[in-house]
Each structure stands twice: as C-alpha cells, then as structure tokens.
Protein backbone atom coordinates (compact mmCIF):
# COMPACT_ATOMS: atom_id res chain seq x y z
CA UNK A 1 19.93 -6.60 -25.43
CA UNK A 2 17.45 -9.44 -24.60
CA UNK A 3 14.40 -10.43 -26.59
CA UNK A 4 11.52 -8.12 -26.64
CA UNK A 5 9.05 -8.43 -23.80
CA UNK A 6 5.47 -9.62 -24.36
CA UNK A 7 3.21 -7.63 -21.95
CA UNK A 8 -0.47 -8.46 -22.07
CA UNK A 9 -2.88 -5.58 -22.70
CA UNK A 10 -4.23 -4.05 -19.45
CA UNK A 11 -7.75 -4.71 -18.07
CA UNK A 12 -10.26 -1.97 -18.73
CA UNK A 13 -10.15 -1.00 -15.04
CA UNK A 14 -6.74 -1.21 -13.37
CA UNK A 15 -7.07 -1.58 -9.66
CA UNK A 16 -3.85 -1.18 -7.49
CA UNK A 17 -1.91 1.31 -5.41
CA UNK A 18 -0.01 4.32 -6.24
CA UNK A 19 3.57 3.10 -6.10
CA UNK A 20 5.17 6.42 -6.34
CA UNK A 21 4.36 10.05 -7.07
CA UNK A 22 6.92 11.93 -9.11
CA UNK A 23 7.18 15.72 -9.50
CA UNK A 24 7.36 17.91 -12.57
CA UNK A 25 9.91 17.49 -15.31
CA UNK A 26 10.88 14.00 -14.07
CA UNK A 27 13.55 12.35 -16.33
CA UNK A 28 12.58 8.72 -16.67
CA UNK A 29 16.12 7.58 -16.98
CA UNK A 30 16.61 8.47 -13.26
CA UNK A 31 14.24 5.37 -12.38
CA UNK A 32 17.20 3.08 -13.01
CA UNK A 33 20.13 5.53 -13.19
CA UNK A 34 21.49 7.14 -16.26
CA UNK A 35 24.48 4.69 -16.14
CA UNK A 36 22.08 1.66 -16.59
CA UNK A 37 19.95 2.80 -19.66
CA UNK A 38 21.60 0.36 -21.95
CA UNK A 39 20.53 -2.75 -20.14
CA UNK A 40 17.47 -4.77 -20.75
CA UNK A 41 18.39 -7.60 -18.26
CA UNK A 42 15.31 -7.94 -16.09
CA UNK A 43 17.29 -9.08 -12.90
CA UNK A 44 19.87 -6.36 -13.32
CA UNK A 45 17.20 -3.57 -13.82
CA UNK A 46 15.23 -4.94 -10.83
CA UNK A 47 18.32 -4.46 -8.64
CA UNK A 48 18.61 -0.82 -9.86
CA UNK A 49 15.04 0.30 -10.08
CA UNK A 50 14.33 3.42 -7.73
CA UNK A 51 17.44 2.76 -5.66
CA UNK A 52 18.29 6.43 -5.50
CA UNK A 53 14.73 7.19 -4.09
CA UNK A 54 13.56 4.14 -2.19
CA UNK A 55 15.62 0.95 -1.92
CA UNK A 56 12.47 -1.10 -0.95
CA UNK A 57 10.50 0.03 -4.00
CA UNK A 58 11.03 -3.05 -6.09
CA UNK A 59 9.78 -5.22 -3.15
CA UNK A 60 6.79 -3.22 -2.46
CA UNK A 61 5.33 -2.93 -6.05
CA UNK A 62 2.53 -5.37 -6.94
CA UNK A 63 0.97 -6.15 -10.26
CA UNK A 64 -1.62 -3.53 -11.05
CA UNK A 65 0.15 -0.67 -9.30
CA UNK A 66 0.44 2.65 -11.04
CA UNK A 67 2.86 5.56 -10.89
CA UNK A 68 1.87 9.21 -10.81
CA UNK A 69 3.75 12.04 -12.37
CA UNK A 70 3.56 15.76 -12.49
CA UNK A 71 3.93 18.01 -15.63
CA UNK A 72 6.16 16.84 -18.46
CA UNK A 73 6.63 13.39 -17.15
CA UNK A 74 9.24 11.37 -18.87
CA UNK A 75 11.25 14.43 -19.70
CA UNK A 76 14.65 13.68 -21.33
CA UNK A 77 15.68 11.01 -23.80
CA UNK A 78 12.99 8.42 -24.26
CA UNK A 79 14.96 5.34 -23.31
CA UNK A 80 12.94 2.15 -22.89
CA UNK A 81 14.69 0.24 -19.99
CA UNK A 82 13.28 2.35 -17.22
CA UNK A 83 9.78 1.56 -18.12
CA UNK A 84 10.83 -2.05 -18.88
CA UNK A 85 11.97 -2.23 -15.32
CA UNK A 86 8.68 -0.68 -13.96
CA UNK A 87 6.58 -2.92 -16.21
CA UNK A 88 8.49 -6.01 -15.17
CA UNK A 89 7.67 -5.19 -11.43
CA UNK A 90 3.94 -4.90 -12.31
CA UNK A 91 3.32 -1.20 -13.01
CA UNK A 92 0.21 -1.23 -15.11
CA UNK A 93 -0.19 2.50 -16.08
CA UNK A 94 1.19 6.00 -15.61
CA UNK A 95 -1.13 8.75 -14.57
CA UNK A 96 0.33 12.26 -14.94
CA UNK A 97 -0.42 15.94 -15.33
CA UNK A 98 1.22 15.83 -18.71
CA UNK A 99 3.79 13.79 -20.57
CA UNK A 100 6.98 14.57 -22.48
CA UNK A 101 6.05 14.10 -26.20
CA UNK A 102 8.86 11.59 -26.81
CA UNK A 103 8.09 9.51 -23.79
CA UNK A 104 4.46 9.49 -24.48
CA UNK A 105 4.91 8.34 -28.05
CA UNK A 106 7.29 5.58 -27.19
CA UNK A 107 5.53 4.18 -24.24
CA UNK A 108 1.99 4.48 -25.75
CA UNK A 109 3.09 2.58 -28.72
CA UNK A 110 4.55 -0.14 -26.42
CA UNK A 111 1.01 -0.56 -25.12
CA UNK A 112 1.34 1.26 -21.76
CA UNK A 113 -1.70 3.30 -20.67
CA UNK A 114 -0.36 6.86 -20.18
CA UNK A 115 -3.30 8.90 -18.94
CA UNK A 116 -3.29 12.70 -18.49
CA UNK A 117 -5.32 13.70 -15.50
CA UNK A 118 -5.08 17.37 -14.23
CA UNK A 119 -4.65 17.56 -10.44
CA UNK A 120 -3.53 14.02 -9.93
CA UNK A 121 -0.34 14.90 -8.07
CA UNK A 122 -2.26 17.00 -5.45
CA UNK A 123 -4.97 14.31 -5.19
CA UNK A 124 -2.99 11.03 -5.03
CA UNK A 125 -0.32 9.93 -2.52
CA UNK A 126 2.09 7.04 -2.45
CA UNK A 127 0.28 3.98 -1.01
CA UNK A 128 -3.24 5.18 -2.02
CA UNK A 129 -5.59 2.61 -3.44
CA UNK A 130 -6.74 3.59 -6.96
CA UNK A 131 -9.00 2.34 -9.64
CA UNK A 132 -8.15 3.69 -13.21
CA UNK A 133 -10.63 3.19 -16.08
CA UNK A 134 -7.98 4.01 -18.77
CA UNK A 135 -10.60 4.12 -21.58
CA UNK A 136 -12.44 7.02 -19.93
CA UNK A 137 -9.44 8.50 -18.03
CA UNK A 138 -11.34 8.20 -14.75
CA UNK A 139 -9.49 7.71 -11.56
CA UNK A 140 -11.20 6.71 -8.28
CA UNK A 141 -9.26 7.68 -5.21
CA UNK A 142 -9.69 7.06 -1.55
CA UNK A 143 -12.58 8.90 0.21
CA UNK A 144 -14.73 8.71 -2.89
CA UNK A 145 -12.84 11.38 -4.69
CA UNK A 146 -12.92 10.87 -8.62
CA UNK A 147 -10.77 12.78 -11.20
CA UNK A 148 -11.48 12.84 -14.90
CA UNK A 149 -8.76 13.23 -17.48
CA UNK A 150 -8.31 12.99 -21.20
CA UNK A 151 -9.39 9.67 -22.69
CA UNK A 152 -7.16 8.20 -25.23
CA UNK A 153 -8.01 8.59 -28.87
CA UNK A 154 -9.66 5.72 -30.78
CA UNK A 155 -6.38 4.74 -32.39
CA UNK A 156 -4.43 4.85 -29.04
CA UNK A 157 -7.14 2.77 -27.43
CA UNK A 158 -6.61 0.07 -30.18
CA UNK A 159 -2.89 0.22 -29.71
CA UNK A 160 -3.31 -0.40 -25.93
CA UNK A 161 -5.93 -3.12 -26.48
CA UNK A 162 -3.54 -4.98 -28.82
CA UNK A 163 -0.65 -4.79 -26.48
CA UNK A 164 1.46 -2.36 -28.53
CA UNK A 165 1.62 -0.77 -32.01
CA UNK A 166 3.59 -3.69 -33.55
CA UNK A 167 0.97 -6.22 -32.51
CA UNK A 168 -1.81 -3.97 -33.80
CA UNK A 169 -0.04 -3.48 -37.16
CA UNK A 170 0.49 -7.13 -37.50
CA UNK A 171 -3.13 -7.91 -36.74
CA UNK A 172 -4.35 -5.25 -39.18
CA UNK A 173 -2.11 -6.51 -42.01
CA UNK A 174 -2.98 -10.12 -41.44
CA UNK A 175 -6.61 -9.24 -42.26
CA UNK A 176 -5.76 -7.80 -45.71
C-alpha cells in the first residue's frame, strides 16, 4: 500500500461535467474490478478504472467532474481504492439518490462531498455541465434546471472543509 493521499478540500461550488451516471445498488468495487481492490498504486488503478464500462473514461475525466449515482450508491464492501482511482482522475464529488451507509461513512470521512439529491439520475446525463454547491446541496443543470438535496450536517461540513476527518481531528486537538 502506498502512502496516504493528500486531497485538498473542494471549493464551495464545484463546476464540472457529469463523468458517469450509475444506476441503483452500484457496487463501488466494480469501478476498478473486484480483483484490483487491494491496490493503491495510482498508475495501476488508472489503467483499470471503468474499463468494464468505458475504456476512454480515464482520458475524458477532468478535475472538477462529478459522478452521479442512483439509490444505495456504493453498495457492497466499502473499499477505498475505487474512490482513490476516481479522485486521482479529478472526480470532485458524488451526487446520488442515496448512499450505502458504509460507503457514505468512509468516503465522507475521507473528505469527499457525497450529496444526496432526489431525482438526480433522471435529471442528469453523462457529459452534462453541472454546478454543485455542496454546502447547500444545490445542483444547477443544463437548461436552467436546479435540484435541491439534503445539505451536509455541520460536522460533515467541517470534515469536508478540513479535507477529511483525520485532518479535522488533528486540527481540533492542536488547539487544546
């Protein structure tokens, strides 16, 4: 396993494109293939990310892009390498109808904005330009459409602002 990644906190408004729309009950391990879930090697993961769905995915993603998921996104075992691969490509947030609890807990506390927005899978398509205000859970979509989701709690907001729970805890304990 390589050293832990240092991801900066996201901007208040994430502007990018929808890199992919996943359906309901999507197992996050499938992003890199179950056989690759023990690797943290960035180059190796880049070569595997989304190969079963779109071999050009890694070349298309730009920093600030988001992924969209259906209900129970992240279903399965909450392994970190799939999201490491997506973050290393530039994925800045996940917007979904709902999240698997283990996935939500793990990725939120790694500092990734996971925003619940009802109706997002019907409203957003791969390639759409979006603006996500993760603090208010507001998604601006093409054609002037806007969806409002569930904003993160005050504590989750502080975790995301800090770049993850470990950074927040270290900062909080440094003050005492």
